[in-house]
Amino acid sequence: MQMPFLSWLLQGIPESIGIAAVVYSFSSRQIRWKYPIFIGLIYAVFMYVIRLLPLTFGVHTVILIFILAILSTLIAKIDLRKAIINANIAIIILALSEIISVYIAVRMGGLASQDIIFTNQFYRIVVGMPPVITLYSAAILYSYRARLVKNMEIKEV
């Protein structure tokens, strides 16, 4: 699905950084934001270019999962298997939160249909922000939890 440039700039880039942050934090690492930001920016460019290609629905997602895993392996030195699994988890978190966000916008926000969200750039950006916040929240909470577990293990020894 093609993404308008403004949507990519205001929603796609933060979303890509959020996805990279989830992959990074789920790899049992305390978030050092330079890695998710760098990976996310590169991933966002790939996302924009691949979405311009005339691919069957869903194919771009599979390609982007592998690109994200490879970037995470090359840049953040995450094990490739772990990176693939975590990239899939990040995409699932994103997809579920997007489904919920669109549902709430249509049912409770008074929008006539989800087609309005995808054709109106303003609605697309606004409805796309809660999933981005969900990604950042998941990455931060998981990183915090991992740090607590690590501190507990150190105290027990």
N, C-alpha and C. Protein backbone atom coordinates (compact mmCIF):
# COMPACT_ATOMS: atom_id res chain seq x y z
N MET A 1 0.84 -1.16 0.00
CA MET A 1 0.00 0.00 0.00
C MET A 1 0.90 1.24 0.00
N GLN A 2 0.65 2.10 -0.93
CA GLN A 2 1.45 3.31 -1.07
C GLN A 2 1.15 4.27 0.07
N MET A 3 2.18 4.93 0.56
CA MET A 3 2.04 5.85 1.68
C MET A 3 2.39 7.26 1.22
N PRO A 4 1.49 8.23 1.45
CA PRO A 4 1.81 9.61 1.10
C PRO A 4 3.05 10.08 1.88
N PHE A 5 3.82 10.98 1.28
CA PHE A 5 5.08 11.42 1.88
C PHE A 5 4.88 12.03 3.27
N LEU A 6 3.86 12.88 3.43
CA LEU A 6 3.63 13.51 4.73
C LEU A 6 3.27 12.47 5.79
N SER A 7 2.48 11.47 5.42
CA SER A 7 2.15 10.39 6.35
C SER A 7 3.41 9.62 6.74
N TRP A 8 4.26 9.39 5.76
CA TRP A 8 5.52 8.69 6.05
C TRP A 8 6.38 9.51 6.99
N LEU A 9 6.43 10.80 6.75
CA LEU A 9 7.28 11.68 7.56
C LEU A 9 6.77 11.78 9.00
N LEU A 10 5.47 11.97 9.18
CA LEU A 10 4.91 12.21 10.51
C LEU A 10 4.50 10.94 11.26
N GLN A 11 4.21 9.88 10.53
CA GLN A 11 3.77 8.66 11.18
C GLN A 11 4.70 7.49 10.87
N GLY A 12 5.15 7.36 9.64
CA GLY A 12 5.96 6.21 9.23
C GLY A 12 7.33 6.17 9.88
N ILE A 13 7.98 7.31 9.98
CA ILE A 13 9.32 7.35 10.61
C ILE A 13 9.22 7.04 12.10
N PRO A 14 8.34 7.70 12.86
CA PRO A 14 8.22 7.33 14.28
C PRO A 14 7.81 5.86 14.48
N GLU A 15 6.95 5.37 13.59
CA GLU A 15 6.53 3.97 13.66
C GLU A 15 7.73 3.04 13.42
N SER A 16 8.56 3.36 12.47
CA SER A 16 9.73 2.54 12.17
C SER A 16 10.71 2.53 13.34
N ILE A 17 10.90 3.68 13.96
CA ILE A 17 11.78 3.74 15.13
C ILE A 17 11.17 2.93 16.28
N GLY A 18 9.86 3.00 16.44
CA GLY A 18 9.17 2.22 17.47
C GLY A 18 9.30 0.73 17.24
N ILE A 19 9.18 0.30 15.99
CA ILE A 19 9.35 -1.12 15.66
C ILE A 19 10.77 -1.56 15.97
N ALA A 20 11.74 -0.74 15.59
CA ALA A 20 13.14 -1.06 15.88
C ALA A 20 13.40 -1.10 17.38
N ALA A 21 12.75 -0.22 18.14
CA ALA A 21 12.91 -0.21 19.59
C ALA A 21 12.35 -1.49 20.21
N VAL A 22 11.23 -1.97 19.70
CA VAL A 22 10.66 -3.22 20.20
C VAL A 22 11.61 -4.38 19.91
N VAL A 23 12.13 -4.46 18.70
CA VAL A 23 13.07 -5.53 18.36
C VAL A 23 14.28 -5.46 19.27
N TYR A 24 14.80 -4.25 19.47
CA TYR A 24 16.00 -4.07 20.28
C TYR A 24 15.74 -4.44 21.75
N SER A 25 14.66 -3.95 22.32
CA SER A 25 14.40 -4.22 23.74
C SER A 25 13.99 -5.67 23.97
N PHE A 26 13.28 -6.27 23.04
CA PHE A 26 12.89 -7.68 23.20
C PHE A 26 14.08 -8.61 23.02
N SER A 27 15.19 -8.07 22.59
CA SER A 27 16.41 -8.87 22.49
C SER A 27 17.18 -8.83 23.81
N SER A 28 16.44 -8.58 24.89
CA SER A 28 16.98 -8.54 26.25
C SER A 28 18.07 -7.50 26.41
N ARG A 29 17.81 -6.34 25.85
CA ARG A 29 18.78 -5.26 25.96
C ARG A 29 18.10 -4.03 26.54
N GLN A 30 18.86 -3.34 27.36
CA GLN A 30 18.39 -2.06 27.84
C GLN A 30 18.47 -1.10 26.65
N ILE A 31 17.43 -0.32 26.47
CA ILE A 31 17.39 0.54 25.29
C ILE A 31 18.47 1.61 25.36
N ARG A 32 19.29 1.59 24.35
CA ARG A 32 20.21 2.69 24.06
C ARG A 32 19.67 3.26 22.75
N TRP A 33 19.03 4.39 22.82
CA TRP A 33 18.20 4.89 21.73
C TRP A 33 18.94 5.12 20.43
N LYS A 34 20.26 5.22 20.46
CA LYS A 34 20.97 5.45 19.20
C LYS A 34 20.77 4.29 18.23
N TYR A 35 20.69 3.06 18.74
CA TYR A 35 20.50 1.91 17.85
C TYR A 35 19.09 1.87 17.25
N PRO A 36 18.03 1.92 18.06
CA PRO A 36 16.69 1.92 17.45
C PRO A 36 16.44 3.10 16.52
N ILE A 37 16.98 4.27 16.86
CA ILE A 37 16.77 5.43 15.99
C ILE A 37 17.48 5.23 14.66
N PHE A 38 18.73 4.79 14.70
CA PHE A 38 19.49 4.57 13.47
C PHE A 38 18.85 3.47 12.61
N ILE A 39 18.53 2.34 13.25
CA ILE A 39 17.89 1.24 12.52
C ILE A 39 16.53 1.70 11.98
N GLY A 40 15.76 2.40 12.81
CA GLY A 40 14.43 2.85 12.41
C GLY A 40 14.45 3.81 11.23
N LEU A 41 15.42 4.71 11.20
CA LEU A 41 15.51 5.65 10.08
C LEU A 41 15.83 4.94 8.77
N ILE A 42 16.77 4.01 8.83
CA ILE A 42 17.10 3.24 7.62
C ILE A 42 15.90 2.38 7.20
N TYR A 43 15.27 1.75 8.19
CA TYR A 43 14.10 0.91 7.93
C TYR A 43 12.96 1.73 7.31
N ALA A 44 12.79 2.97 7.78
CA ALA A 44 11.73 3.84 7.25
C ALA A 44 11.94 4.13 5.77
N VAL A 45 13.19 4.33 5.37
CA VAL A 45 13.49 4.57 3.95
C VAL A 45 13.15 3.32 3.13
N PHE A 46 13.58 2.15 3.63
CA PHE A 46 13.23 0.91 2.94
C PHE A 46 11.71 0.74 2.87
N MET A 47 11.02 1.04 3.97
CA MET A 47 9.57 0.90 4.01
C MET A 47 8.91 1.78 2.94
N TYR A 48 9.35 3.02 2.83
CA TYR A 48 8.76 3.93 1.87
C TYR A 48 8.98 3.44 0.43
N VAL A 49 10.22 3.03 0.14
CA VAL A 49 10.55 2.58 -1.22
C VAL A 49 9.82 1.29 -1.57
N ILE A 50 9.79 0.33 -0.65
CA ILE A 50 9.15 -0.96 -0.94
C ILE A 50 7.65 -0.79 -1.09
N ARG A 51 7.06 0.13 -0.35
CA ARG A 51 5.62 0.35 -0.50
C ARG A 51 5.26 1.01 -1.82
N LEU A 52 6.24 1.58 -2.49
CA LEU A 52 6.00 2.14 -3.82
C LEU A 52 5.93 1.05 -4.89
N LEU A 53 6.49 -0.12 -4.59
CA LEU A 53 6.51 -1.21 -5.56
C LEU A 53 5.13 -1.84 -5.69
N PRO A 54 4.77 -2.30 -6.88
CA PRO A 54 3.46 -2.93 -7.08
C PRO A 54 3.46 -4.40 -6.63
N LEU A 55 3.44 -4.60 -5.32
CA LEU A 55 3.47 -5.96 -4.75
C LEU A 55 2.09 -6.34 -4.23
N THR A 56 1.83 -7.62 -4.21
CA THR A 56 0.59 -8.14 -3.64
C THR A 56 0.52 -7.78 -2.17
N PHE A 57 -0.68 -7.56 -1.66
CA PHE A 57 -0.86 -7.19 -0.26
C PHE A 57 -0.20 -8.20 0.67
N GLY A 58 0.61 -7.73 1.59
CA GLY A 58 1.28 -8.60 2.55
C GLY A 58 2.70 -8.96 2.19
N VAL A 59 3.04 -8.91 0.91
CA VAL A 59 4.39 -9.27 0.48
C VAL A 59 5.39 -8.24 0.99
N HIS A 60 5.00 -6.97 0.94
CA HIS A 60 5.91 -5.93 1.42
C HIS A 60 6.20 -6.12 2.92
N THR A 61 5.22 -6.61 3.68
CA THR A 61 5.42 -6.83 5.12
C THR A 61 6.47 -7.91 5.36
N VAL A 62 6.39 -8.99 4.60
CA VAL A 62 7.37 -10.08 4.75
C VAL A 62 8.77 -9.58 4.40
N ILE A 63 8.88 -8.85 3.32
CA ILE A 63 10.18 -8.30 2.91
C ILE A 63 10.72 -7.37 3.99
N LEU A 64 9.85 -6.52 4.52
CA LEU A 64 10.28 -5.55 5.54
C LEU A 64 10.68 -6.23 6.85
N ILE A 65 10.04 -7.34 7.19
CA ILE A 65 10.44 -8.09 8.38
C ILE A 65 11.88 -8.57 8.25
N PHE A 66 12.21 -9.11 7.09
CA PHE A 66 13.58 -9.59 6.88
C PHE A 66 14.59 -8.43 6.82
N ILE A 67 14.19 -7.32 6.23
CA ILE A 67 15.08 -6.15 6.21
C ILE A 67 15.34 -5.66 7.63
N LEU A 68 14.29 -5.60 8.44
CA LEU A 68 14.44 -5.18 9.83
C LEU A 68 15.35 -6.13 10.61
N ALA A 69 15.18 -7.41 10.41
CA ALA A 69 16.01 -8.40 11.09
C ALA A 69 17.47 -8.27 10.67
N ILE A 70 17.71 -8.07 9.39
CA ILE A 70 19.08 -7.93 8.90
C ILE A 70 19.72 -6.64 9.43
N LEU A 71 18.97 -5.55 9.41
CA LEU A 71 19.49 -4.28 9.95
C LEU A 71 19.81 -4.43 11.44
N SER A 72 18.93 -5.09 12.18
CA SER A 72 19.15 -5.29 13.62
C SER A 72 20.39 -6.15 13.87
N THR A 73 20.62 -7.13 13.01
CA THR A 73 21.78 -7.99 13.15
C THR A 73 23.06 -7.24 12.80
N LEU A 74 23.03 -6.50 11.71
CA LEU A 74 24.24 -5.78 11.28
C LEU A 74 24.60 -4.60 12.18
N ILE A 75 23.61 -3.84 12.60
CA ILE A 75 23.87 -2.61 13.34
C ILE A 75 23.94 -2.86 14.85
N ALA A 76 22.97 -3.58 15.40
CA ALA A 76 22.90 -3.75 16.85
C ALA A 76 23.48 -5.09 17.32
N LYS A 77 23.96 -5.89 16.37
CA LYS A 77 24.59 -7.19 16.69
C LYS A 77 23.64 -8.14 17.44
N ILE A 78 22.37 -8.11 17.02
CA ILE A 78 21.37 -9.02 17.57
C ILE A 78 21.42 -10.32 16.77
N ASP A 79 21.31 -11.44 17.45
CA ASP A 79 21.30 -12.74 16.79
C ASP A 79 20.18 -12.75 15.74
N LEU A 80 20.47 -13.25 14.53
CA LEU A 80 19.52 -13.19 13.42
C LEU A 80 18.20 -13.89 13.75
N ARG A 81 18.28 -15.07 14.36
CA ARG A 81 17.04 -15.78 14.72
C ARG A 81 16.19 -14.96 15.69
N LYS A 82 16.85 -14.40 16.69
CA LYS A 82 16.15 -13.58 17.68
C LYS A 82 15.58 -12.32 17.00
N ALA A 83 16.33 -11.75 16.08
CA ALA A 83 15.87 -10.55 15.38
C ALA A 83 14.64 -10.84 14.52
N ILE A 84 14.62 -12.00 13.84
CA ILE A 84 13.45 -12.36 13.02
C ILE A 84 12.22 -12.56 13.90
N ILE A 85 12.39 -13.27 15.01
CA ILE A 85 11.27 -13.51 15.93
C ILE A 85 10.76 -12.19 16.50
N ASN A 86 11.68 -11.34 16.95
CA ASN A 86 11.28 -10.07 17.54
C ASN A 86 10.68 -9.11 16.52
N ALA A 87 11.14 -9.18 15.28
CA ALA A 87 10.54 -8.36 14.21
C ALA A 87 9.09 -8.79 13.98
N ASN A 88 8.85 -10.08 13.99
CA ASN A 88 7.48 -10.58 13.85
C ASN A 88 6.61 -10.14 15.03
N ILE A 89 7.15 -10.22 16.24
CA ILE A 89 6.41 -9.77 17.41
C ILE A 89 6.07 -8.28 17.29
N ALA A 90 7.04 -7.49 16.86
CA ALA A 90 6.82 -6.05 16.71
C ALA A 90 5.72 -5.77 15.68
N ILE A 91 5.74 -6.49 14.58
CA ILE A 91 4.71 -6.31 13.54
C ILE A 91 3.34 -6.74 14.05
N ILE A 92 3.29 -7.80 14.85
CA ILE A 92 2.02 -8.25 15.43
C ILE A 92 1.48 -7.20 16.40
N ILE A 93 2.36 -6.65 17.25
CA ILE A 93 1.94 -5.58 18.16
C ILE A 93 1.40 -4.40 17.37
N LEU A 94 2.11 -4.03 16.32
CA LEU A 94 1.67 -2.91 15.48
C LEU A 94 0.32 -3.21 14.83
N ALA A 95 0.19 -4.39 14.24
CA ALA A 95 -1.06 -4.74 13.54
C ALA A 95 -2.25 -4.75 14.49
N LEU A 96 -2.08 -5.35 15.66
CA LEU A 96 -3.19 -5.41 16.63
C LEU A 96 -3.57 -4.01 17.12
N SER A 97 -2.56 -3.20 17.39
CA SER A 97 -2.88 -1.85 17.86
C SER A 97 -3.48 -0.99 16.75
N GLU A 98 -3.10 -1.23 15.50
CA GLU A 98 -3.73 -0.51 14.38
C GLU A 98 -5.18 -0.94 14.21
N ILE A 99 -5.44 -2.23 14.33
CA ILE A 99 -6.83 -2.73 14.23
C ILE A 99 -7.69 -2.08 15.31
N ILE A 100 -7.18 -2.05 16.53
CA ILE A 100 -7.92 -1.46 17.64
C ILE A 100 -8.11 0.04 17.41
N SER A 101 -7.08 0.73 16.97
CA SER A 101 -7.16 2.17 16.73
C SER A 101 -8.18 2.51 15.64
N VAL A 102 -8.15 1.77 14.55
CA VAL A 102 -9.11 2.01 13.46
C VAL A 102 -10.53 1.69 13.92
N TYR A 103 -10.68 0.59 14.67
CA TYR A 103 -12.00 0.21 15.18
C TYR A 103 -12.57 1.31 16.07
N ILE A 104 -11.73 1.82 16.98
CA ILE A 104 -12.19 2.89 17.88
C ILE A 104 -12.53 4.15 17.09
N ALA A 105 -11.70 4.47 16.11
CA ALA A 105 -11.96 5.68 15.30
C ALA A 105 -13.27 5.56 14.53
N VAL A 106 -13.55 4.39 14.01
CA VAL A 106 -14.77 4.20 13.21
C VAL A 106 -15.99 4.10 14.12
N ARG A 107 -15.91 3.27 15.16
CA ARG A 107 -17.08 3.03 16.02
C ARG A 107 -17.36 4.18 16.98
N MET A 108 -16.31 4.68 17.59
CA MET A 108 -16.51 5.70 18.62
C MET A 108 -16.18 7.11 18.14
N GLY A 109 -15.41 7.20 17.07
CA GLY A 109 -15.01 8.51 16.58
C GLY A 109 -15.98 9.11 15.59
N GLY A 110 -16.98 8.33 15.19
CA GLY A 110 -17.99 8.85 14.30
C GLY A 110 -17.60 8.89 12.83
N LEU A 111 -16.50 8.23 12.47
CA LEU A 111 -16.13 8.19 11.05
C LEU A 111 -17.00 7.17 10.34
N ALA A 112 -17.38 7.45 9.11
CA ALA A 112 -18.29 6.60 8.37
C ALA A 112 -17.70 5.22 8.08
N SER A 113 -16.42 5.19 7.71
CA SER A 113 -15.79 3.90 7.42
C SER A 113 -14.28 4.03 7.53
N GLN A 114 -13.62 2.89 7.49
CA GLN A 114 -12.15 2.91 7.56
C GLN A 114 -11.54 3.44 6.26
N ASP A 115 -12.29 3.45 5.17
CA ASP A 115 -11.79 4.02 3.91
C ASP A 115 -11.44 5.49 4.07
N ILE A 116 -12.21 6.20 4.91
CA ILE A 116 -11.95 7.63 5.15
C ILE A 116 -10.57 7.80 5.80
N ILE A 117 -10.23 6.89 6.71
CA ILE A 117 -8.94 6.97 7.40
C ILE A 117 -7.79 6.83 6.42
N PHE A 118 -7.92 5.91 5.49
CA PHE A 118 -6.83 5.64 4.57
C PHE A 118 -6.76 6.62 3.39
N THR A 119 -7.84 7.34 3.13
CA THR A 119 -7.82 8.31 2.03
C THR A 119 -7.57 9.74 2.51
N ASN A 120 -7.88 10.03 3.76
CA ASN A 120 -7.67 11.36 4.31
C ASN A 120 -6.36 11.35 5.09
N GLN A 121 -5.42 12.15 4.67
CA GLN A 121 -4.08 12.15 5.26
C GLN A 121 -4.10 12.56 6.74
N PHE A 122 -4.92 13.52 7.09
CA PHE A 122 -5.00 13.96 8.48
C PHE A 122 -5.48 12.82 9.37
N TYR A 123 -6.58 12.16 8.98
CA TYR A 123 -7.10 11.04 9.77
C TYR A 123 -6.08 9.89 9.84
N ARG A 124 -5.42 9.67 8.75
CA ARG A 124 -4.42 8.59 8.71
C ARG A 124 -3.32 8.82 9.74
N ILE A 125 -2.85 10.04 9.83
CA ILE A 125 -1.78 10.37 10.79
C ILE A 125 -2.31 10.30 12.22
N VAL A 126 -3.47 10.89 12.47
CA VAL A 126 -4.03 10.91 13.83
C VAL A 126 -4.36 9.50 14.32
N VAL A 127 -4.99 8.71 13.49
CA VAL A 127 -5.35 7.34 13.89
C VAL A 127 -4.11 6.45 13.96
N GLY A 128 -3.05 6.82 13.25
CA GLY A 128 -1.82 6.05 13.29
C GLY A 128 -0.94 6.32 14.49
N MET A 129 -1.21 7.37 15.24
CA MET A 129 -0.37 7.71 16.40
C MET A 129 -0.53 6.78 17.60
N PRO A 130 -1.74 6.35 17.98
CA PRO A 130 -1.84 5.42 19.12
C PRO A 130 -1.04 4.12 18.93
N PRO A 131 -1.02 3.52 17.74
CA PRO A 131 -0.17 2.34 17.57
C PRO A 131 1.32 2.66 17.75
N VAL A 132 1.74 3.84 17.34
CA VAL A 132 3.14 4.25 17.52
C VAL A 132 3.44 4.37 19.02
N ILE A 133 2.53 4.98 19.75
CA ILE A 133 2.69 5.10 21.21
C ILE A 133 2.73 3.72 21.86
N THR A 134 1.92 2.81 21.35
CA THR A 134 1.92 1.43 21.87
C THR A 134 3.28 0.77 21.66
N LEU A 135 3.87 0.97 20.49
CA LEU A 135 5.20 0.39 20.22
C LEU A 135 6.25 0.93 21.19
N TYR A 136 6.29 2.24 21.35
CA TYR A 136 7.26 2.84 22.27
C TYR A 136 7.02 2.36 23.70
N SER A 137 5.75 2.28 24.10
CA SER A 137 5.42 1.82 25.45
C SER A 137 5.87 0.38 25.67
N ALA A 138 5.61 -0.47 24.68
CA ALA A 138 6.03 -1.87 24.80
C ALA A 138 7.54 -1.98 24.93
N ALA A 139 8.26 -1.23 24.12
CA ALA A 139 9.73 -1.29 24.16
C ALA A 139 10.26 -0.78 25.49
N ILE A 140 9.73 0.32 25.98
CA ILE A 140 10.22 0.90 27.24
C ILE A 140 9.86 -0.01 28.41
N LEU A 141 8.62 -0.49 28.46
CA LEU A 141 8.21 -1.36 29.56
C LEU A 141 8.99 -2.67 29.58
N TYR A 142 9.20 -3.25 28.42
CA TYR A 142 9.95 -4.50 28.37
C TYR A 142 11.41 -4.27 28.77
N SER A 143 11.99 -3.19 28.32
CA SER A 143 13.36 -2.86 28.69
C SER A 143 13.47 -2.63 30.20
N TYR A 144 12.49 -1.94 30.77
CA TYR A 144 12.46 -1.70 32.22
C TYR A 144 12.34 -3.02 32.97
N ARG A 145 11.45 -3.90 32.50
CA ARG A 145 11.26 -5.20 33.12
C ARG A 145 12.55 -6.02 33.05
N ALA A 146 13.21 -6.01 31.92
CA ALA A 146 14.46 -6.76 31.77
C ALA A 146 15.53 -6.23 32.72
N ARG A 147 15.56 -4.93 32.89
CA ARG A 147 16.54 -4.33 33.80
C ARG A 147 16.25 -4.75 35.24
N LEU A 148 14.95 -4.79 35.63
CA LEU A 148 14.58 -5.22 36.98
C LEU A 148 14.98 -6.68 37.23
N VAL A 149 14.73 -7.54 36.25
CA VAL A 149 15.09 -8.95 36.38
C VAL A 149 16.59 -9.10 36.51
N LYS A 150 17.33 -8.35 35.72
CA LYS A 150 18.79 -8.41 35.78
C LYS A 150 19.30 -7.95 37.14
N ASN A 151 18.71 -6.88 37.69
CA ASN A 151 19.11 -6.40 39.01
C ASN A 151 18.77 -7.41 40.10
N MET A 152 17.66 -8.10 39.96
CA MET A 152 17.27 -9.12 40.94
C MET A 152 18.24 -10.28 40.92
N GLU A 153 18.69 -10.67 39.72
CA GLU A 153 19.64 -11.77 39.59
C GLU A 153 20.99 -11.40 40.23
N ILE A 154 21.39 -10.17 40.09
CA ILE A 154 22.67 -9.71 40.66
C ILE A 154 22.57 -9.74 42.20
N LYS A 155 21.44 -9.33 42.78
CA LYS A 155 21.28 -9.30 44.22
C LYS A 155 21.23 -10.71 44.82
N GLU A 156 20.70 -11.68 44.06
CA GLU A 156 20.62 -13.05 44.55
C GLU A 156 21.97 -13.73 44.60
N VAL A 157 22.87 -13.34 43.75
CA VAL A 157 24.19 -13.97 43.68
C VAL A 157 25.09 -13.52 44.78
